[in-house]
């Protein structure tokens, strides 16, 4: 089965619309809020622009060392929120927000182990030539939806099922996600830049950090929801659980 870009994109948008109440509630608390709090209270690393490789490594090492707890806590909460969003989007699920959160909590460790396995398998590809790493990531892209929709509780089996579902479509999925990723990244960057210019002009160059972080967190959270919906739509297409856009609903 060949990946149909337009069908997957339309399906992703339909999923977002059909499940908007649930995913907005989940994302607001578990994706947007931790993103905003982290940006507001954890200062990013500062560079002068003339640092060498060793100096940059030292700056990043100090940054991660000083903020390790905040980074880990924020990422864990956001990862949990992302998993709960997949529960809201998965075709075989039809629970309430509370049920989705409880279900996500029960398998959160399995989800983390599966992500760790994907990272370990893909890492050599990134180190060697980058493209193989991206290809492997694309082949394992459906792992979270497999875990949620098929109730797969073995992380390795989830990887195997994603590999099987994406057979013959690895590069097609990679291209699709890369296009969405590039467009989304540019869009988020432009929104952040425009917000910075506006707040800078309004405050005489000082800027307004809260407003800038608020816009960045909103844009970043929306982008994550789009990616989750796209992955779910690709899964629906690849698994044979095809649904017409008009049929995708709670």
Protein backbone atom coordinates (compact mmCIF):
# COMPACT_ATOMS: atom_id res chain seq x y z
CA UNK A 1 0.00 0.00 0.00
CA UNK A 2 1.50 3.31 -1.09
CA UNK A 3 1.26 6.36 1.11
CA UNK A 4 -1.30 8.88 -0.10
CA UNK A 5 -0.05 12.30 1.01
CA UNK A 6 -3.25 14.22 0.45
CA UNK A 7 -5.40 11.57 2.10
CA UNK A 8 -3.10 11.46 5.13
CA UNK A 9 -3.01 15.23 5.45
CA UNK A 10 -6.78 15.57 5.13
CA UNK A 11 -7.20 12.73 7.58
CA UNK A 12 -4.89 14.42 10.08
CA UNK A 13 -6.84 17.68 9.88
CA UNK A 14 -10.11 15.78 10.27
CA UNK A 15 -8.74 13.98 13.34
CA UNK A 16 -7.80 17.29 14.93
CA UNK A 17 -11.22 18.79 14.28
CA UNK A 18 -13.15 15.71 15.41
CA UNK A 19 -11.19 15.39 18.66
CA UNK A 20 -10.46 19.05 19.32
CA UNK A 21 -12.01 19.22 22.80
CA UNK A 22 -10.03 16.26 24.12
CA UNK A 23 -6.68 17.10 22.57
CA UNK A 24 -6.90 20.79 23.51
CA UNK A 25 -7.62 19.86 27.13
CA UNK A 26 -4.74 17.38 27.24
CA UNK A 27 -2.28 19.54 25.31
CA UNK A 28 -3.13 22.65 27.31
CA UNK A 29 -2.10 21.06 30.60
CA UNK A 30 0.57 18.58 29.58
CA UNK A 31 2.26 20.17 26.54
CA UNK A 32 1.60 23.91 26.44
CA UNK A 33 1.88 24.65 30.18
CA UNK A 34 5.20 22.83 30.84
CA UNK A 35 6.64 24.34 27.64
CA UNK A 36 5.68 27.84 28.78
CA UNK A 37 6.92 27.35 32.35
CA UNK A 38 10.24 25.95 31.15
CA UNK A 39 10.80 28.84 28.75
CA UNK A 40 9.79 31.37 31.39
CA UNK A 41 11.94 30.10 34.25
CA UNK A 42 14.89 28.34 32.61
CA UNK A 43 17.22 30.72 30.79
CA UNK A 44 18.65 29.35 27.52
CA UNK A 45 22.43 29.04 27.06
CA UNK A 46 24.10 32.32 26.05
CA UNK A 47 26.60 32.49 23.20
CA UNK A 48 28.77 35.38 22.02
CA UNK A 49 28.97 34.07 18.48
CA UNK A 50 32.70 33.45 18.36
CA UNK A 51 32.88 30.25 20.44
CA UNK A 52 34.77 27.26 19.17
CA UNK A 53 33.53 23.68 19.32
CA UNK A 54 35.06 23.06 22.73
CA UNK A 55 33.62 26.25 24.18
CA UNK A 56 30.15 25.49 22.87
CA UNK A 57 30.34 22.00 24.33
CA UNK A 58 31.34 23.46 27.69
CA UNK A 59 28.44 25.95 27.61
CA UNK A 60 25.93 23.23 26.78
CA UNK A 61 27.38 20.92 29.42
CA UNK A 62 27.03 23.63 32.05
CA UNK A 63 23.49 24.41 30.88
CA UNK A 64 22.35 20.78 31.08
CA UNK A 65 24.14 20.29 34.38
CA UNK A 66 22.46 23.29 35.99
CA UNK A 67 19.00 22.52 34.60
CA UNK A 68 18.97 18.72 34.42
CA UNK A 69 15.98 18.29 36.73
CA UNK A 70 13.88 20.93 34.94
CA UNK A 71 14.76 19.50 31.53
CA UNK A 72 13.93 15.94 32.58
CA UNK A 73 10.70 16.87 34.37
CA UNK A 74 9.48 19.03 31.47
CA UNK A 75 10.26 16.36 28.87
CA UNK A 76 8.55 13.64 30.89
CA UNK A 77 5.37 15.68 31.31
CA UNK A 78 5.31 16.61 27.62
CA UNK A 79 5.95 12.97 26.62
CA UNK A 80 3.06 11.87 28.81
CA UNK A 81 0.83 14.51 27.25
CA UNK A 82 1.83 13.37 23.76
CA UNK A 83 0.95 9.77 24.62
CA UNK A 84 -2.44 10.85 25.97
CA UNK A 85 -3.06 12.77 22.73
CA UNK A 86 -2.48 9.54 20.78
CA UNK A 87 -5.15 7.89 22.93
CA UNK A 88 -7.55 10.67 21.95
CA UNK A 89 -6.69 10.29 18.24
CA UNK A 90 -6.37 6.50 17.85
CA UNK A 91 -9.17 4.99 15.71
CA UNK A 92 -10.01 2.18 18.15
CA UNK A 93 -10.28 4.49 21.17
CA UNK A 94 -13.29 6.48 22.24
CA UNK A 95 -12.67 7.41 25.87
CA UNK A 96 -13.09 10.58 27.86
CA UNK A 97 -10.15 12.84 28.64
CA UNK A 98 -9.89 11.30 32.11
CA UNK A 99 -9.91 7.78 30.63
CA UNK A 100 -7.25 8.73 28.10
CA UNK A 101 -5.02 10.13 30.84
CA UNK A 102 -5.42 7.05 33.03
CA UNK A 103 -4.76 4.74 30.08
CA UNK A 104 -1.66 6.76 29.13
CA UNK A 105 -0.35 6.59 32.70
CA UNK A 106 -0.68 2.79 32.75
CA UNK A 107 1.54 2.29 29.71
CA UNK A 108 3.80 5.33 30.02
CA UNK A 109 6.84 3.23 30.95
CA UNK A 110 6.29 0.98 27.93
CA UNK A 111 6.06 4.08 25.73
CA UNK A 112 9.33 5.43 27.13
CA UNK A 113 11.09 2.09 26.65
CA UNK A 114 9.87 1.91 23.05
CA UNK A 115 11.15 5.44 22.37
CA UNK A 116 14.48 4.53 23.95
CA UNK A 117 14.72 1.47 21.71
CA UNK A 118 13.97 3.58 18.63
CA UNK A 119 16.65 6.05 19.66
CA UNK A 120 19.26 3.35 20.22
CA UNK A 121 18.52 1.69 16.88
CA UNK A 122 18.46 4.98 14.92
CA UNK A 123 21.52 6.55 16.59
CA UNK A 124 24.17 4.69 14.54
CA UNK A 125 22.43 5.85 11.35
CA UNK A 126 22.60 9.48 12.47
CA UNK A 127 26.24 9.16 13.47
CA UNK A 128 27.28 7.58 10.18
CA UNK A 129 25.40 9.37 7.41
CA UNK A 130 22.31 11.05 8.98
CA UNK A 131 19.97 9.88 6.16
CA UNK A 132 19.93 6.25 7.41
CA UNK A 133 19.04 7.57 10.85
CA UNK A 134 16.16 9.59 9.43
CA UNK A 135 15.00 6.58 7.41
CA UNK A 136 15.01 4.34 10.49
CA UNK A 137 13.12 6.99 12.44
CA UNK A 138 10.48 7.10 9.69
CA UNK A 139 10.11 3.31 9.75
CA UNK A 140 9.49 3.41 13.52
CA UNK A 141 7.28 6.49 13.38
CA UNK A 142 4.09 4.52 14.03
CA UNK A 143 5.30 2.94 17.28
CA UNK A 144 3.21 5.16 19.63
CA UNK A 145 0.01 4.57 17.66
CA UNK A 146 0.68 0.82 17.52
CA UNK A 147 1.08 0.78 21.30
CA UNK A 148 -2.12 2.74 21.80
CA UNK A 149 -4.39 1.42 19.05
CA UNK A 150 -3.33 -2.23 19.04
CA UNK A 151 -2.75 -2.39 22.81
CA UNK A 152 0.77 -3.69 22.22
CA UNK A 153 2.60 -3.95 25.52
CA UNK A 154 5.91 -5.31 24.27
CA UNK A 155 8.13 -2.41 23.10
CA UNK A 156 10.11 -4.61 20.70
CA UNK A 157 6.94 -6.01 19.16
CA UNK A 158 5.68 -2.45 18.72
CA UNK A 159 8.85 -1.64 16.77
CA UNK A 160 8.41 -4.76 14.64
CA UNK A 161 4.79 -3.88 13.84
CA UNK A 162 5.72 -0.32 12.88
CA UNK A 163 8.49 -1.68 10.66
CA UNK A 164 6.02 -4.03 8.99
CA UNK A 165 3.34 -1.37 8.52
CA UNK A 166 5.77 1.06 6.89
CA UNK A 167 7.33 -1.50 4.55
CA UNK A 168 7.86 0.01 1.11
CA UNK A 169 7.01 3.50 2.34
CA UNK A 170 10.00 4.46 4.48
CA UNK A 171 11.26 7.23 2.23
CA UNK A 172 7.73 8.39 1.36
CA UNK A 173 6.93 8.79 5.05
CA UNK A 174 10.29 10.48 5.64
CA UNK A 175 9.68 13.00 2.85
CA UNK A 176 6.14 13.68 4.08
CA UNK A 177 7.23 14.30 7.67
CA UNK A 178 10.28 16.35 6.62
CA UNK A 179 8.11 18.65 4.49
CA UNK A 180 5.66 19.16 7.36
CA UNK A 181 8.53 19.58 9.81
CA UNK A 182 10.30 22.21 7.70
CA UNK A 183 7.11 24.18 7.02
CA UNK A 184 6.10 23.95 10.68
CA UNK A 185 9.51 24.98 11.96
CA UNK A 186 9.63 27.98 9.62
CA UNK A 187 6.10 28.99 10.63
CA UNK A 188 6.89 28.77 14.34
CA UNK A 189 10.13 30.69 13.80
CA UNK A 190 8.38 33.46 11.88
CA UNK A 191 5.69 33.79 14.56
CA UNK A 192 8.35 34.04 17.27
CA UNK A 193 10.33 36.61 15.27
CA UNK A 194 7.27 38.76 14.53
CA UNK A 195 6.23 38.60 18.19
CA UNK A 196 9.74 39.64 19.24
CA UNK A 197 9.68 42.61 16.87
CA UNK A 198 6.24 43.73 18.04
CA UNK A 199 7.03 43.45 21.76
CA UNK A 200 10.39 45.12 21.16
CA UNK A 201 8.76 48.08 19.45
CA UNK A 202 6.07 48.31 22.13
CA UNK A 203 8.59 48.32 24.99
CA UNK A 204 11.34 50.41 23.46
CA UNK A 205 13.57 47.44 22.70
CA UNK A 206 13.27 45.68 26.06
CA UNK A 207 10.80 43.09 24.83
CA UNK A 208 8.17 41.29 26.87
CA UNK A 209 9.41 37.82 27.72
CA UNK A 210 6.08 36.42 28.89
CA UNK A 211 4.26 37.34 25.67
CA UNK A 212 7.11 36.02 23.54
CA UNK A 213 7.22 32.73 25.47
CA UNK A 214 3.43 32.47 25.36
CA UNK A 215 3.35 32.72 21.57
CA UNK A 216 6.28 30.32 21.22
CA UNK A 217 4.63 27.76 23.52
CA UNK A 218 1.29 28.03 21.70
CA UNK A 219 2.90 27.65 18.28
CA UNK A 220 5.13 24.81 19.41
CA UNK A 221 2.24 22.95 21.04
CA UNK A 222 0.07 23.34 17.94
CA UNK A 223 2.92 21.99 15.83
CA UNK A 224 3.25 18.93 18.09
CA UNK A 225 -0.48 18.25 17.77
CA UNK A 226 -0.26 18.44 13.99
CA UNK A 227 2.64 15.95 13.98
CA UNK A 228 0.71 13.56 16.26
CA UNK A 229 -2.34 13.77 14.01
CA UNK A 230 -0.22 13.19 10.89
CA UNK A 231 1.43 10.12 12.44
CA UNK A 232 -1.98 8.75 13.43
CA UNK A 233 -3.34 9.42 9.95
CA UNK A 234 -0.37 7.64 8.36
CA UNK A 235 -1.03 4.70 10.68
CA UNK A 236 -4.68 4.59 9.63
CA UNK A 237 -3.63 4.62 5.97
CA UNK A 238 -0.86 2.02 6.36
CA UNK A 239 -2.80 -0.35 8.64
CA UNK A 240 -5.74 -0.67 6.28
CA UNK A 241 -8.03 1.03 8.77
CA UNK A 242 -8.76 3.60 6.11
CA UNK A 243 -11.48 6.05 6.93
CA UNK A 244 -12.88 8.71 4.72
CA UNK A 245 -12.29 12.14 6.14
CA UNK A 246 -15.99 12.55 6.76
CA UNK A 247 -16.06 9.30 8.78
CA UNK A 248 -13.33 10.25 11.24
CA UNK A 249 -15.08 11.14 14.46
CA UNK A 250 -15.22 10.32 18.13
